[in-house]
Amino acid sequence: MAAKWIELVTGSLEQKKQYRQYKKRIETLPEPYAAAAKALERYLMYFGGIATDGETVLTMFGDFADLWERAAADGTPVRAIVGEDPVEFAETFAQAYAGTRWIDKERARLTKAIEDAERGDQK
């Protein structure tokens, strides 16, 4: 019972556990893969506004860790993964996980506010 209440306040404990596992996977990558993955992860966090649902985020980060682990195991050069434009790579990667993003909620909120204003339904 207490676990349900705690999850109501903090979010899914299982998802937090999976996220910590993802972070550990990235931390244990050899260089230069760890540095590249951390830099891209930082950009993804700022760029994506990431999805509002935890499952989409966990799927994306799980696939992200798989990508870097496979590259490290195969000895694939970092540039062979990200190409000449790492920003384009990161944004394309994030777009593949088209869950609901924070900005989507704000877009809907803005649209509704303008429609309400037009009708005179100001709150």
PDB file of N, CA and C in Angstrom:
ATOM      1  N   MET A   1       0.824  -1.191   0.000  1.00  0.00           N
ATOM      2  CA  MET A   1       0.000   0.000   0.000  1.00  0.00           C
ATOM      3  C   MET A   1       0.866   1.252   0.000  1.00  0.00           C
ATOM      4  N   ALA A   2       1.900   1.293   0.851  1.00  0.00           N
ATOM      5  CA  ALA A   2       2.764   2.467   0.921  1.00  0.00           C
ATOM      6  C   ALA A   2       3.508   2.668  -0.389  1.00  0.00           C
ATOM      7  N   ALA A   3       3.903   1.567  -1.028  1.00  0.00           N
ATOM      8  CA  ALA A   3       4.630   1.681  -2.294  1.00  0.00           C
ATOM      9  C   ALA A   3       3.768   2.370  -3.345  1.00  0.00           C
ATOM     10  N   LYS A   4       2.484   2.066  -3.390  1.00  0.00           N
ATOM     11  CA  LYS A   4       1.572   2.702  -4.352  1.00  0.00           C
ATOM     12  C   LYS A   4       1.478   4.201  -4.092  1.00  0.00           C
ATOM     13  N   TRP A   5       1.402   4.571  -2.830  1.00  0.00           N
ATOM     14  CA  TRP A   5       1.318   5.982  -2.481  1.00  0.00           C
ATOM     15  C   TRP A   5       2.607   6.695  -2.851  1.00  0.00           C
ATOM     16  N   ILE A   6       3.739   6.072  -2.568  1.00  0.00           N
ATOM     17  CA  ILE A   6       5.036   6.663  -2.909  1.00  0.00           C
ATOM     18  C   ILE A   6       5.152   6.827  -4.414  1.00  0.00           C
ATOM     19  N   GLU A   7       4.746   5.816  -5.176  1.00  0.00           N
ATOM     20  CA  GLU A   7       4.803   5.911  -6.640  1.00  0.00           C
ATOM     21  C   GLU A   7       3.873   6.983  -7.170  1.00  0.00           C
ATOM     22  N   LEU A   8       2.771   7.205  -6.501  1.00  0.00           N
ATOM     23  CA  LEU A   8       1.862   8.267  -6.913  1.00  0.00           C
ATOM     24  C   LEU A   8       2.563   9.619  -6.835  1.00  0.00           C
ATOM     25  N   VAL A   9       3.383   9.795  -5.821  1.00  0.00           N
ATOM     26  CA  VAL A   9       4.092  11.055  -5.619  1.00  0.00           C
ATOM     27  C   VAL A   9       5.362  11.139  -6.462  1.00  0.00           C
ATOM     28  N   THR A  10       6.132  10.061  -6.508  1.00  0.00           N
ATOM     29  CA  THR A  10       7.465  10.120  -7.128  1.00  0.00           C
ATOM     30  C   THR A  10       7.537   9.533  -8.524  1.00  0.00           C
ATOM     31  N   GLY A  11       6.538   8.796  -8.930  1.00  0.00           N
ATOM     32  CA  GLY A  11       6.594   8.094 -10.211  1.00  0.00           C
ATOM     33  C   GLY A  11       6.963   6.644  -9.978  1.00  0.00           C
ATOM     34  N   SER A  12       7.008   5.897 -11.063  1.00  0.00           N
ATOM     35  CA  SER A  12       7.245   4.464 -10.996  1.00  0.00           C
ATOM     36  C   SER A  12       8.630   4.135 -10.443  1.00  0.00           C
ATOM     37  N   LEU A  13       8.655   3.337  -9.384  1.00  0.00           N
ATOM     38  CA  LEU A  13       9.938   2.911  -8.819  1.00  0.00           C
ATOM     39  C   LEU A  13      10.661   1.973  -9.775  1.00  0.00           C
ATOM     40  N   GLU A  14       9.920   1.163 -10.511  1.00  0.00           N
ATOM     41  CA  GLU A  14      10.522   0.263 -11.495  1.00  0.00           C
ATOM     42  C   GLU A  14      11.185   1.061 -12.606  1.00  0.00           C
ATOM     43  N   GLN A  15      10.554   2.125 -13.050  1.00  0.00           N
ATOM     44  CA  GLN A  15      11.156   2.960 -14.087  1.00  0.00           C
ATOM     45  C   GLN A  15      12.411   3.654 -13.578  1.00  0.00           C
ATOM     46  N   LYS A  16      12.402   4.080 -12.335  1.00  0.00           N
ATOM     47  CA  LYS A  16      13.600   4.684 -11.755  1.00  0.00           C
ATOM     48  C   LYS A  16      14.741   3.669 -11.707  1.00  0.00           C
ATOM     49  N   LYS A  17      14.422   2.437 -11.361  1.00  0.00           N
ATOM     50  CA  LYS A  17      15.421   1.368 -11.331  1.00  0.00           C
ATOM     51  C   LYS A  17      15.984   1.132 -12.731  1.00  0.00           C
ATOM     52  N   GLN A  18      15.116   1.090 -13.738  1.00  0.00           N
ATOM     53  CA  GLN A  18      15.569   0.887 -15.118  1.00  0.00           C
ATOM     54  C   GLN A  18      16.437   2.050 -15.583  1.00  0.00           C
ATOM     55  N   TYR A  19      16.088   3.263 -15.195  1.00  0.00           N
ATOM     56  CA  TYR A  19      16.891   4.430 -15.572  1.00  0.00           C
ATOM     57  C   TYR A  19      18.276   4.363 -14.930  1.00  0.00           C
ATOM     58  N   ARG A  20      18.332   3.961 -13.671  1.00  0.00           N
ATOM     59  CA  ARG A  20      19.643   3.820 -13.002  1.00  0.00           C
ATOM     60  C   ARG A  20      20.486   2.751 -13.691  1.00  0.00           C
ATOM     61  N   GLN A  21      19.856   1.678 -14.155  1.00  0.00           N
ATOM     62  CA  GLN A  21      20.576   0.642 -14.894  1.00  0.00           C
ATOM     63  C   GLN A  21      21.112   1.197 -16.205  1.00  0.00           C
ATOM     64  N   TYR A  22      20.296   1.994 -16.896  1.00  0.00           N
ATOM     65  CA  TYR A  22      20.748   2.631 -18.131  1.00  0.00           C
ATOM     66  C   TYR A  22      21.968   3.504 -17.859  1.00  0.00           C
ATOM     67  N   LYS A  23      21.903   4.341 -16.819  1.00  0.00           N
ATOM     68  CA  LYS A  23      23.021   5.237 -16.493  1.00  0.00           C
ATOM     69  C   LYS A  23      24.291   4.440 -16.213  1.00  0.00           C
ATOM     70  N   LYS A  24      24.154   3.327 -15.528  1.00  0.00           N
ATOM     71  CA  LYS A  24      25.313   2.485 -15.237  1.00  0.00           C
ATOM     72  C   LYS A  24      25.902   1.923 -16.528  1.00  0.00           C
ATOM     73  N   ARG A  25      25.051   1.517 -17.458  1.00  0.00           N
ATOM     74  CA  ARG A  25      25.524   0.989 -18.746  1.00  0.00           C
ATOM     75  C   ARG A  25      26.350   2.046 -19.472  1.00  0.00           C
ATOM     76  N   ILE A  26      25.894   3.283 -19.458  1.00  0.00           N
ATOM     77  CA  ILE A  26      26.626   4.362 -20.126  1.00  0.00           C
ATOM     78  C   ILE A  26      27.939   4.641 -19.395  1.00  0.00           C
ATOM     79  N   GLU A  27      27.903   4.632 -18.080  1.00  0.00           N
ATOM     80  CA  GLU A  27      29.105   4.892 -17.282  1.00  0.00           C
ATOM     81  C   GLU A  27      30.198   3.852 -17.516  1.00  0.00           C
ATOM     82  N   THR A  28      29.806   2.631 -17.799  1.00  0.00           N
ATOM     83  CA  THR A  28      30.793   1.562 -17.943  1.00  0.00           C
ATOM     84  C   THR A  28      31.320   1.398 -19.369  1.00  0.00           C
ATOM     85  N   LEU A  29      30.838   2.228 -20.296  1.00  0.00           N
ATOM     86  CA  LEU A  29      31.360   2.160 -21.665  1.00  0.00           C
ATOM     87  C   LEU A  29      32.826   2.599 -21.684  1.00  0.00           C
ATOM     88  N   PRO A  30      33.616   1.987 -22.551  1.00  0.00           N
ATOM     89  CA  PRO A  30      34.998   2.452 -22.685  1.00  0.00           C
ATOM     90  C   PRO A  30      35.025   3.794 -23.427  1.00  0.00           C
ATOM     91  N   GLU A  31      36.120   4.520 -23.296  1.00  0.00           N
ATOM     92  CA  GLU A  31      36.285   5.766 -24.049  1.00  0.00           C
ATOM     93  C   GLU A  31      36.654   5.428 -25.486  1.00  0.00           C
ATOM     94  N   PRO A  32      36.289   6.179 -26.442  1.00  0.00           N
ATOM     95  CA  PRO A  32      35.590   7.470 -26.433  1.00  0.00           C
ATOM     96  C   PRO A  32      34.068   7.327 -26.446  1.00  0.00           C
ATOM     97  N   TYR A  33      33.574   6.090 -26.365  1.00  0.00           N
ATOM     98  CA  TYR A  33      32.132   5.850 -26.453  1.00  0.00           C
ATOM     99  C   TYR A  33      31.370   6.460 -25.278  1.00  0.00           C
ATOM    100  N   ALA A  34      31.923   6.359 -24.087  1.00  0.00           N
ATOM    101  CA  ALA A  34      31.248   6.924 -22.914  1.00  0.00           C
ATOM    102  C   ALA A  34      31.115   8.432 -23.049  1.00  0.00           C
ATOM    103  N   ALA A  35      32.182   9.097 -23.456  1.00  0.00           N
ATOM    104  CA  ALA A  35      32.143  10.554 -23.601  1.00  0.00           C
ATOM    105  C   ALA A  35      31.143  10.964 -24.678  1.00  0.00           C
ATOM    106  N   ALA A  36      31.139  10.273 -25.793  1.00  0.00           N
ATOM    107  CA  ALA A  36      30.207  10.595 -26.878  1.00  0.00           C
ATOM    108  C   ALA A  36      28.764  10.347 -26.437  1.00  0.00           C
ATOM    109  N   ALA A  37      28.519   9.226 -25.778  1.00  0.00           N
ATOM    110  CA  ALA A  37      27.165   8.905 -25.329  1.00  0.00           C
ATOM    111  C   ALA A  37      26.669   9.920 -24.312  1.00  0.00           C
ATOM    112  N   LYS A  38      27.532  10.331 -23.386  1.00  0.00           N
ATOM    113  CA  LYS A  38      27.130  11.316 -22.376  1.00  0.00           C
ATOM    114  C   LYS A  38      26.832  12.673 -23.013  1.00  0.00           C
ATOM    115  N   ALA A  39      27.632  13.060 -23.980  1.00  0.00           N
ATOM    116  CA  ALA A  39      27.402  14.335 -24.669  1.00  0.00           C
ATOM    117  C   ALA A  39      26.078  14.299 -25.425  1.00  0.00           C
ATOM    118  N   LEU A  40      25.822  13.209 -26.117  1.00  0.00           N
ATOM    119  CA  LEU A  40      24.564  13.076 -26.850  1.00  0.00           C
ATOM    120  C   LEU A  40      23.374  12.996 -25.898  1.00  0.00           C
ATOM    121  N   GLU A  41      23.533  12.282 -24.805  1.00  0.00           N
ATOM    122  CA  GLU A  41      22.452  12.182 -23.816  1.00  0.00           C
ATOM    123  C   GLU A  41      22.087  13.566 -23.287  1.00  0.00           C
ATOM    124  N   ARG A  42      23.103  14.362 -22.981  1.00  0.00           N
ATOM    125  CA  ARG A  42      22.855  15.727 -22.491  1.00  0.00           C
ATOM    126  C   ARG A  42      22.059  16.510 -23.521  1.00  0.00           C
ATOM    127  N   TYR A  43      22.454  16.410 -24.769  1.00  0.00           N
ATOM    128  CA  TYR A  43      21.747  17.127 -25.830  1.00  0.00           C
ATOM    129  C   TYR A  43      20.309  16.621 -25.960  1.00  0.00           C
ATOM    130  N   LEU A  44      20.133  15.324 -25.890  1.00  0.00           N
ATOM    131  CA  LEU A  44      18.787  14.757 -25.996  1.00  0.00           C
ATOM    132  C   LEU A  44      17.876  15.276 -24.882  1.00  0.00           C
ATOM    133  N   MET A  45      18.434  15.430 -23.705  1.00  0.00           N
ATOM    134  CA  MET A  45      17.635  15.918 -22.573  1.00  0.00           C
ATOM    135  C   MET A  45      17.187  17.354 -22.819  1.00  0.00           C
ATOM    136  N   TYR A  46      18.059  18.171 -23.400  1.00  0.00           N
ATOM    137  CA  TYR A  46      17.701  19.555 -23.677  1.00  0.00           C
ATOM    138  C   TYR A  46      16.847  19.680 -24.925  1.00  0.00           C
ATOM    139  N   PHE A  47      17.194  18.960 -25.960  1.00  0.00           N
ATOM    140  CA  PHE A  47      16.504  19.073 -27.238  1.00  0.00           C
ATOM    141  C   PHE A  47      15.094  18.523 -27.199  1.00  0.00           C
ATOM    142  N   GLY A  48      15.003  17.290 -26.741  1.00  0.00           N
ATOM    143  CA  GLY A  48      13.774  16.553 -26.941  1.00  0.00           C
ATOM    144  C   GLY A  48      12.624  16.999 -26.090  1.00  0.00           C
ATOM    145  N   GLY A  49      12.892  17.644 -24.984  1.00  0.00           N
ATOM    146  CA  GLY A  49      11.820  17.852 -24.056  1.00  0.00           C
ATOM    147  C   GLY A  49      11.333  16.485 -23.647  1.00  0.00           C
ATOM    148  N   ILE A  50      11.968  15.496 -24.144  1.00  0.00           N
ATOM    149  CA  ILE A  50      11.713  14.077 -24.041  1.00  0.00           C
ATOM    150  C   ILE A  50      10.239  13.806 -23.769  1.00  0.00           C
ATOM    151  N   ALA A  51       9.887  12.596 -23.968  1.00  0.00           N
ATOM    152  CA  ALA A  51       8.485  12.184 -23.844  1.00  0.00           C
ATOM    153  C   ALA A  51       8.001  12.321 -22.409  1.00  0.00           C
ATOM    154  N   THR A  52       6.724  12.535 -22.284  1.00  0.00           N
ATOM    155  CA  THR A  52       6.151  12.662 -20.944  1.00  0.00           C
ATOM    156  C   THR A  52       5.864  11.313 -20.315  1.00  0.00           C
ATOM    157  N   ASP A  53       5.856  10.275 -21.119  1.00  0.00           N
ATOM    158  CA  ASP A  53       5.613   8.962 -20.521  1.00  0.00           C
ATOM    159  C   ASP A  53       6.942   8.232 -20.349  1.00  0.00           C
ATOM    160  N   GLY A  54       7.105   7.667 -19.178  1.00  0.00           N
ATOM    161  CA  GLY A  54       8.358   7.024 -18.824  1.00  0.00           C
ATOM    162  C   GLY A  54       8.739   5.860 -19.711  1.00  0.00           C
ATOM    163  N   GLU A  55       7.764   5.124 -20.181  1.00  0.00           N
ATOM    164  CA  GLU A  55       8.068   3.952 -21.017  1.00  0.00           C
ATOM    165  C   GLU A  55       8.782   4.349 -22.296  1.00  0.00           C
ATOM    166  N   THR A  56       8.351   5.422 -22.935  1.00  0.00           N
ATOM    167  CA  THR A  56       8.994   5.872 -24.165  1.00  0.00           C
ATOM    168  C   THR A  56      10.428   6.298 -23.889  1.00  0.00           C
ATOM    169  N   VAL A  57      10.629   7.028 -22.814  1.00  0.00           N
ATOM    170  CA  VAL A  57      11.978   7.474 -22.444  1.00  0.00           C
ATOM    171  C   VAL A  57      12.873   6.268 -22.170  1.00  0.00           C
ATOM    172  N   LEU A  58      12.362   5.308 -21.419  1.00  0.00           N
ATOM    173  CA  LEU A  58      13.161   4.130 -21.093  1.00  0.00           C
ATOM    174  C   LEU A  58      13.487   3.314 -22.332  1.00  0.00           C
ATOM    175  N   THR A  59      12.548   3.202 -23.240  1.00  0.00           N
ATOM    176  CA  THR A  59      12.806   2.492 -24.492  1.00  0.00           C
ATOM    177  C   THR A  59      13.892   3.204 -25.278  1.00  0.00           C
ATOM    178  N   MET A  60      13.777   4.524 -25.392  1.00  0.00           N
ATOM    179  CA  MET A  60      14.771   5.292 -26.127  1.00  0.00           C
ATOM    180  C   MET A  60      16.156   5.132 -25.512  1.00  0.00           C
ATOM    181  N   PHE A  61      16.255   5.299 -24.199  1.00  0.00           N
ATOM    182  CA  PHE A  61      17.561   5.200 -23.562  1.00  0.00           C
ATOM    183  C   PHE A  61      18.105   3.774 -23.578  1.00  0.00           C
ATOM    184  N   GLY A  62      17.237   2.787 -23.504  1.00  0.00           N
ATOM    185  CA  GLY A  62      17.686   1.398 -23.635  1.00  0.00           C
ATOM    186  C   GLY A  62      18.285   1.152 -25.006  1.00  0.00           C
ATOM    187  N   ASP A  63      17.608   1.629 -26.047  1.00  0.00           N
ATOM    188  CA  ASP A  63      18.132   1.491 -27.406  1.00  0.00           C
ATOM    189  C   ASP A  63      19.422   2.277 -27.584  1.00  0.00           C
ATOM    190  N   PHE A  64      19.485   3.440 -26.965  1.00  0.00           N
ATOM    191  CA  PHE A  64      20.675   4.289 -27.016  1.00  0.00           C
ATOM    192  C   PHE A  64      21.877   3.559 -26.400  1.00  0.00           C
ATOM    193  N   ALA A  65      21.663   2.953 -25.236  1.00  0.00           N
ATOM    194  CA  ALA A  65      22.738   2.193 -24.582  1.00  0.00           C
ATOM    195  C   ALA A  65      23.135   0.992 -25.429  1.00  0.00           C
ATOM    196  N   ASP A  66      22.154   0.297 -26.006  1.00  0.00           N
ATOM    197  CA  ASP A  66      22.453  -0.832 -26.902  1.00  0.00           C
ATOM    198  C   ASP A  66      23.343  -0.393 -28.059  1.00  0.00           C
ATOM    199  N   LEU A  67      23.006   0.738 -28.650  1.00  0.00           N
ATOM    200  CA  LEU A  67      23.775   1.267 -29.780  1.00  0.00           C
ATOM    201  C   LEU A  67      25.236   1.472 -29.404  1.00  0.00           C
ATOM    202  N   TRP A  68      25.473   2.112 -28.279  1.00  0.00           N
ATOM    203  CA  TRP A  68      26.843   2.410 -27.865  1.00  0.00           C
ATOM    204  C   TRP A  68      27.588   1.166 -27.390  1.00  0.00           C
ATOM    205  N   GLU A  69      26.904   0.271 -26.734  1.00  0.00           N
ATOM    206  CA  GLU A  69      27.554  -0.986 -26.323  1.00  0.00           C
ATOM    207  C   GLU A  69      27.969  -1.802 -27.542  1.00  0.00           C
ATOM    208  N   ARG A  70      27.107  -1.870 -28.542  1.00  0.00           N
ATOM    209  CA  ARG A  70      27.414  -2.605 -29.777  1.00  0.00           C
ATOM    210  C   ARG A  70      28.581  -1.946 -30.515  1.00  0.00           C
ATOM    211  N   ALA A  71      28.559  -0.621 -30.583  1.00  0.00           N
ATOM    212  CA  ALA A  71      29.648   0.106 -31.248  1.00  0.00           C
ATOM    213  C   ALA A  71      30.979  -0.147 -30.548  1.00  0.00           C
ATOM    214  N   ALA A  72      30.965  -0.125 -29.228  1.00  0.00           N
ATOM    215  CA  ALA A  72      32.193  -0.369 -28.468  1.00  0.00           C
ATOM    216  C   ALA A  72      32.681  -1.799 -28.682  1.00  0.00           C
ATOM    217  N   ALA A  73      31.769  -2.754 -28.666  1.00  0.00           N
ATOM    218  CA  ALA A  73      32.143  -4.164 -28.857  1.00  0.00           C
ATOM    219  C   ALA A  73      32.721  -4.400 -30.248  1.00  0.00           C
ATOM    220  N   ASP A  74      32.163  -3.711 -31.245  1.00  0.00           N
ATOM    221  CA  ASP A  74      32.624  -3.884 -32.624  1.00  0.00           C
ATOM    222  C   ASP A  74      33.806  -2.990 -32.980  1.00  0.00           C
ATOM    223  N   GLY A  75      34.101  -2.023 -32.116  1.00  0.00           N
ATOM    224  CA  GLY A  75      35.174  -1.079 -32.413  1.00  0.00           C
ATOM    225  C   GLY A  75      34.797  -0.078 -33.502  1.00  0.00           C
ATOM    226  N   THR A  76      33.510   0.183 -33.649  1.00  0.00           N
ATOM    227  CA  THR A  76      33.028   1.134 -34.650  1.00  0.00           C
ATOM    228  C   THR A  76      33.428   2.546 -34.241  1.00  0.00           C
ATOM    229  N   PRO A  77      34.049   3.311 -35.131  1.00  0.00           N
ATOM    230  CA  PRO A  77      34.418   4.689 -34.786  1.00  0.00           C
ATOM    231  C   PRO A  77      33.177   5.532 -34.457  1.00  0.00           C
ATOM    232  N   VAL A  78      33.331   6.447 -33.522  1.00  0.00           N
ATOM    233  CA  VAL A  78      32.221   7.301 -33.095  1.00  0.00           C
ATOM    234  C   VAL A  78      31.623   8.041 -34.285  1.00  0.00           C
ATOM    235  N   ARG A  79      32.473   8.583 -35.166  1.00  0.00           N
ATOM    236  CA  ARG A  79      31.966   9.331 -36.327  1.00  0.00           C
ATOM    237  C   ARG A  79      31.180   8.441 -37.287  1.00  0.00           C
ATOM    238  N   ALA A  80      31.474   7.162 -37.295  1.00  0.00           N
ATOM    239  CA  ALA A  80      30.705   6.256 -38.151  1.00  0.00           C
ATOM    240  C   ALA A  80      29.280   6.111 -37.629  1.00  0.00           C
ATOM    241  N   ILE A  81      29.076   6.387 -36.364  1.00  0.00           N
ATOM    242  CA  ILE A  81      27.752   6.302 -35.757  1.00  0.00           C
ATOM    243  C   ILE A  81      27.016   7.631 -35.913  1.00  0.00           C
ATOM    244  N   VAL A  82      27.655   8.706 -35.492  1.00  0.00           N
ATOM    245  CA  VAL A  82      26.970  10.003 -35.459  1.00  0.00           C
ATOM    246  C   VAL A  82      27.087  10.775 -36.771  1.00  0.00           C
ATOM    247  N   GLY A  83      27.983  10.391 -37.639  1.00  0.00           N
ATOM    248  CA  GLY A  83      28.158  11.097 -38.901  1.00  0.00           C
ATOM    249  C   GLY A  83      28.861  12.424 -38.705  1.00  0.00           C
ATOM    250  N   GLU A  84      28.785  13.234 -39.726  1.00  0.00           N
ATOM    251  CA  GLU A  84      29.468  14.534 -39.694  1.00  0.00           C
ATOM    252  C   GLU A  84      28.741  15.556 -38.831  1.00  0.00           C
ATOM    253  N   ASP A  85      27.457  15.361 -38.639  1.00  0.00           N
ATOM    254  CA  ASP A  85      26.666  16.321 -37.866  1.00  0.00           C
ATOM    255  C   ASP A  85      26.009  15.618 -36.680  1.00  0.00           C
ATOM    256  N   PRO A  86      26.660  15.677 -35.502  1.00  0.00           N
ATOM    257  CA  PRO A  86      26.097  14.993 -34.331  1.00  0.00           C
ATOM    258  C   PRO A  86      24.738  15.546 -33.906  1.00  0.00           C
ATOM    259  N   VAL A  87      24.482  16.819 -34.179  1.00  0.00           N
ATOM    260  CA  VAL A  87      23.181  17.415 -33.841  1.00  0.00           C
ATOM    261  C   VAL A  87      22.081  16.752 -34.663  1.00  0.00           C
ATOM    262  N   GLU A  88      22.316  16.604 -35.955  1.00  0.00           N
ATOM    263  CA  GLU A  88      21.342  15.946 -36.818  1.00  0.00           C
ATOM    264  C   GLU A  88      21.106  14.507 -36.366  1.00  0.00           C
ATOM    265  N   PHE A  89      22.195  13.811 -36.011  1.00  0.00           N
ATOM    266  CA  PHE A  89      22.056  12.439 -35.521  1.00  0.00           C
ATOM    267  C   PHE A  89      21.164  12.393 -34.288  1.00  0.00           C
ATOM    268  N   ALA A  90      21.450  13.268 -33.296  1.00  0.00           N
ATOM    269  CA  ALA A  90      20.695  13.262 -32.039  1.00  0.00           C
ATOM    270  C   ALA A  90      19.230  13.578 -32.274  1.00  0.00           C
ATOM    271  N   GLU A  91      18.956  14.561 -33.108  1.00  0.00           N
ATOM    272  CA  GLU A  91      17.571  14.959 -33.347  1.00  0.00           C
ATOM    273  C   GLU A  91      16.806  13.888 -34.116  1.00  0.00           C
ATOM    274  N   THR A  92      17.461  13.250 -35.067  1.00  0.00           N
ATOM    275  CA  THR A  92      16.829  12.161 -35.806  1.00  0.00           C
ATOM    276  C   THR A  92      16.567  10.979 -34.885  1.00  0.00           C
ATOM    277  N   PHE A  93      17.536  10.670 -34.028  1.00  0.00           N
ATOM    278  CA  PHE A  93      17.380   9.580 -33.067  1.00  0.00           C
ATOM    279  C   PHE A  93      16.172   9.851 -32.168  1.00  0.00           C
ATOM    280  N   ALA A  94      16.065  11.055 -31.633  1.00  0.00           N
ATOM    281  CA  ALA A  94      14.969  11.396 -30.722  1.00  0.00           C
ATOM    282  C   ALA A  94      13.618  11.348 -31.432  1.00  0.00           C
ATOM    283  N   GLN A  95      13.574  11.760 -32.683  1.00  0.00           N
ATOM    284  CA  GLN A  95      12.308  11.770 -33.418  1.00  0.00           C
ATOM    285  C   GLN A  95      11.758  10.365 -33.639  1.00  0.00           C
ATOM    286  N   ALA A  96      12.615   9.375 -33.588  1.00  0.00           N
ATOM    287  CA  ALA A  96      12.162   7.996 -33.760  1.00  0.00           C
ATOM    288  C   ALA A  96      11.306   7.526 -32.571  1.00  0.00           C
ATOM    289  N   TYR A  97      11.369   8.261 -31.483  1.00  0.00           N
ATOM    290  CA  TYR A  97      10.617   7.906 -30.279  1.00  0.00           C
ATOM    291  C   TYR A  97       9.555   8.982 -30.071  1.00  0.00           C
ATOM    292  N   ALA A  98       8.546   8.931 -30.885  1.00  0.00           N
ATOM    293  CA  ALA A  98       7.560   9.997 -30.968  1.00  0.00           C
ATOM    294  C   ALA A  98       6.458   9.869 -29.931  1.00  0.00           C
ATOM    295  N   GLY A  99       6.830   9.718 -28.712  1.00  0.00           N
ATOM    296  CA  GLY A  99       5.824   9.743 -27.665  1.00  0.00           C
ATOM    297  C   GLY A  99       5.383  11.174 -27.441  1.00  0.00           C
ATOM    298  N   THR A 100       4.494  11.373 -26.526  1.00  0.00           N
ATOM    299  CA  THR A 100       4.054  12.718 -26.191  1.00  0.00           C
ATOM    300  C   THR A 100       5.194  13.441 -25.491  1.00  0.00           C
ATOM    301  N   ARG A 101       5.513  14.621 -25.992  1.00  0.00           N
ATOM    302  CA  ARG A 101       6.580  15.416 -25.392  1.00  0.00           C
ATOM    303  C   ARG A 101       5.971  16.523 -24.542  1.00  0.00           C
ATOM    304  N   TRP A 102       6.791  17.097 -23.651  1.00  0.00           N
ATOM    305  CA  TRP A 102       6.307  18.172 -22.789  1.00  0.00           C
ATOM    306  C   TRP A 102       5.764  19.314 -23.622  1.00  0.00           C
ATOM    307  N   ILE A 103       6.452  19.634 -24.706  1.00  0.00           N
ATOM    308  CA  ILE A 103       6.022  20.761 -25.530  1.00  0.00           C
ATOM    309  C   ILE A 103       4.653  20.498 -26.159  1.00  0.00           C
ATOM    310  N   ASP A 104       4.326  19.237 -26.403  1.00  0.00           N
ATOM    311  CA  ASP A 104       3.011  18.917 -26.963  1.00  0.00           C
ATOM    312  C   ASP A 104       1.894  19.353 -26.012  1.00  0.00           C
ATOM    313  N   LYS A 105       2.095  19.137 -24.720  1.00  0.00           N
ATOM    314  CA  LYS A 105       1.108  19.572 -23.730  1.00  0.00           C
ATOM    315  C   LYS A 105       0.987  21.090 -23.726  1.00  0.00           C
ATOM    316  N   GLU A 106       2.124  21.762 -23.816  1.00  0.00           N
ATOM    317  CA  GLU A 106       2.107  23.226 -23.800  1.00  0.00           C
ATOM    318  C   GLU A 106       1.495  23.786 -25.071  1.00  0.00           C
ATOM    319  N   ARG A 107       1.730  23.135 -26.205  1.00  0.00           N
ATOM    320  CA  ARG A 107       1.098  23.573 -27.453  1.00  0.00           C
ATOM    321  C   ARG A 107      -0.420  23.482 -27.333  1.00  0.00           C
ATOM    322  N   ALA A 108      -0.900  22.370 -26.804  1.00  0.00           N
ATOM    323  CA  ALA A 108      -2.344  22.187 -26.627  1.00  0.00           C
ATOM    324  C   ALA A 108      -2.901  23.218 -25.648  1.00  0.00           C
ATOM    325  N   ARG A 109      -2.156  23.481 -24.587  1.00  0.00           N
ATOM    326  CA  ARG A 109      -2.597  24.465 -23.595  1.00  0.00           C
ATOM    327  C   ARG A 109      -2.671  25.862 -24.221  1.00  0.00           C
ATOM    328  N   LEU A 110      -1.672  26.235 -25.011  1.00  0.00           N
ATOM    329  CA  LEU A 110      -1.663  27.541 -25.667  1.00  0.00           C
ATOM    330  C   LEU A 110      -2.819  27.666 -26.656  1.00  0.00           C
ATOM    331  N   THR A 111      -3.020  26.637 -27.459  1.00  0.00           N
ATOM    332  CA  THR A 111      -4.108  26.651 -28.436  1.00  0.00           C
ATOM    333  C   THR A 111      -5.454  26.826 -27.744  1.00  0.00           C
ATOM    334  N   LYS A 112      -5.664  26.079 -26.665  1.00  0.00           N
ATOM    335  CA  LYS A 112      -6.925  26.178 -25.922  1.00  0.00           C
ATOM    336  C   LYS A 112      -7.081  27.562 -25.305  1.00  0.00           C
ATOM    337  N   ALA A 113      -6.018  28.130 -24.767  1.00  0.00           N
ATOM    338  CA  ALA A 113      -6.089  29.454 -24.149  1.00  0.00           C
ATOM    339  C   ALA A 113      -6.478  30.511 -25.171  1.00  0.00           C
ATOM    340  N   ILE A 114      -5.922  30.413 -26.375  1.00  0.00           N
ATOM    341  CA  ILE A 114      -6.259  31.378 -27.419  1.00  0.00           C
ATOM    342  C   ILE A 114      -7.715  31.205 -27.850  1.00  0.00           C
ATOM    343  N   GLU A 115      -8.144  29.963 -28.015  1.00  0.00           N
ATOM    344  CA  GLU A 115      -9.543  29.708 -28.384  1.00  0.00           C
ATOM    345  C   GLU A 115     -10.493  30.221 -27.305  1.00  0.00           C
ATOM    346  N   ASP A 116     -10.143  29.984 -26.031  1.00  0.00           N
ATOM    347  CA  ASP A 116     -10.969  30.474 -24.924  1.00  0.00           C
ATOM    348  C   ASP A 116     -11.017  31.998 -24.921  1.00  0.00           C
ATOM    349  N   ALA A 117      -9.878  32.619 -25.202  1.00  0.00           N
ATOM    350  CA  ALA A 117      -9.821  34.079 -25.236  1.00  0.00           C
ATOM    351  C   ALA A 117     -10.713  34.635 -26.339  1.00  0.00           C
ATOM    352  N   GLU A 118     -10.707  33.971 -27.471  1.00  0.00           N
ATOM    353  CA  GLU A 118     -11.548  34.412 -28.594  1.00  0.00           C
ATOM    354  C   GLU A 118     -13.032  34.333 -28.238  1.00  0.00           C
ATOM    355  N   ARG A 119     -13.410  33.308 -27.487  1.00  0.00           N
ATOM    356  CA  ARG A 119     -14.811  33.120 -27.086  1.00  0.00           C
ATOM    357  C   ARG A 119     -15.183  33.955 -25.866  1.00  0.00           C
ATOM    358  N   GLY A 120     -14.186  34.533 -25.233  1.00  0.00           N
ATOM    359  CA  GLY A 120     -14.439  35.297 -24.023  1.00  0.00           C
ATOM    360  C   GLY A 120     -14.482  34.451 -22.778  1.00  0.00           C
ATOM    361  N   ASP A 121     -13.995  33.201 -22.861  1.00  0.00           N
ATOM    362  CA  ASP A 121     -13.969  32.280 -21.708  1.00  0.00           C
ATOM    363  C   ASP A 121     -12.663  32.426 -20.944  1.00  0.00           C
ATOM    364  N   GLN A 122     -12.379  33.578 -20.457  1.00  0.00           N
ATOM    365  CA  GLN A 122     -11.121  33.778 -19.737  1.00  0.00           C
ATOM    366  C   GLN A 122     -11.277  33.330 -18.303  1.00  0.00           C
ATOM    367  N   LYS A 123     -10.251  32.620 -17.844  1.00  0.00           N
ATOM    368  CA  LYS A 123     -10.292  32.103 -16.465  1.00  0.00           C
ATOM    369  C   LYS A 123      -9.216  32.718 -15.655  1.00  0.00           C
TER     370      LYS A 123
END
